[in-house]
Protein backbone atom coordinates (compact mmCIF):
# COMPACT_ATOMS: atom_id res chain seq x y z
CA MET A 1 110.15 115.24 118.72
CA THR A 2 112.31 113.36 116.27
CA PHE A 3 115.09 114.09 113.85
CA VAL A 4 114.55 114.33 110.08
CA ILE A 5 116.99 113.76 107.23
CA THR A 6 116.69 116.34 104.44
CA SER A 7 117.78 116.88 100.83
CA PRO A 8 121.58 117.09 101.28
CA CYS A 9 121.43 113.34 102.01
CA ILE A 10 119.92 112.45 98.63
CA ASP A 11 122.39 110.15 96.87
CA GLU A 12 125.00 110.84 99.59
CA LYS A 13 124.56 107.81 101.84
CA ALA A 14 127.76 108.22 103.84
CA ALA A 15 126.08 106.18 106.62
CA ASP A 16 127.95 107.81 109.49
CA CYS A 17 124.55 108.43 111.09
CA VAL A 18 123.53 104.78 110.83
CA GLU A 19 126.64 103.64 112.67
CA THR A 20 126.15 106.26 115.40
CA CYS A 21 122.44 105.76 116.15
CA PRO A 22 122.15 103.89 119.47
CA VAL A 23 118.62 102.58 118.73
CA ASP A 24 118.92 101.63 115.04
CA ALA A 25 116.30 104.22 114.02
CA ILE A 26 117.96 105.08 110.69
CA HIS A 27 117.07 103.01 107.65
CA GLU A 28 118.28 103.10 104.07
CA GLY A 29 115.81 104.09 101.38
CA GLU A 30 116.22 104.11 97.64
CA ASP A 31 117.72 107.60 97.45
CA GLN A 32 118.54 108.56 101.04
CA TYR A 33 118.38 107.50 104.70
CA TYR A 34 115.31 107.97 106.88
CA ILE A 35 114.80 108.20 110.65
CA ASP A 36 111.98 106.15 112.15
CA PRO A 37 110.00 108.64 114.25
CA ASP A 38 108.67 105.85 116.47
CA THR A 39 112.17 104.59 117.30
CA CYS A 40 114.18 107.84 117.48
CA ILE A 41 115.02 108.82 121.06
CA ASP A 42 115.99 112.40 120.12
CA CYS A 43 119.57 111.99 121.29
CA GLY A 44 121.13 114.02 118.46
CA ALA A 45 124.04 111.65 117.86
CA CYS A 46 123.19 111.40 114.16
CA GLU A 47 123.04 115.16 113.65
CA ALA A 48 126.54 115.61 115.05
CA VAL A 49 128.18 113.15 112.63
CA CYS A 50 126.29 113.93 109.39
CA PRO A 51 128.97 114.94 106.86
CA VAL A 52 126.49 116.92 104.72
CA ALA A 53 124.50 118.63 107.53
CA ALA A 54 121.24 117.01 106.38
CA ILE A 55 119.81 116.11 109.81
CA PHE A 56 117.63 118.46 111.85
CA GLN A 57 115.30 118.23 114.81
CA GLU A 58 111.79 118.27 113.35
CA ASP A 59 111.00 121.70 114.80
CA PHE A 60 114.15 123.17 113.24
CA VAL A 61 113.92 121.80 109.69
CA PRO A 62 114.50 124.77 107.34
CA GLU A 63 111.35 126.04 105.62
CA GLU A 64 112.54 124.90 102.19
CA GLU A 65 113.12 121.38 103.53
CA LYS A 66 109.78 120.93 105.39
CA SER A 67 108.49 118.45 102.76
CA PHE A 68 111.07 115.98 104.08
CA ILE A 69 109.16 115.70 107.36
CA GLU A 70 106.25 114.03 105.56
CA LYS A 71 108.59 112.13 103.20
CA ASN A 72 110.26 110.64 106.28
CA ARG A 73 106.94 109.64 107.89
CA ALA A 74 105.62 108.18 104.64
CA PHE A 75 108.69 105.94 104.31
CA PHE A 76 107.74 104.14 107.53
CA LYS A 77 104.04 103.79 106.68
CA LYS A 78 104.79 101.20 104.00
């Protein structure tokens, strides 16, 4: 399981999560940050420091935010 960044992050880019991630799994996109599912170690450090509560474990992403799971995966398929 991995963590996913959802819509509250769009245009926010506070970057607290980037600084906290111990494995450098979080990367900046054009409009938000993304978590590399192949690198994420599911530690939860990013979730705890997100100032806009945009980060969820994949299994707990709110229903209205589920499209961000695929958006996150697609970012790393480039």
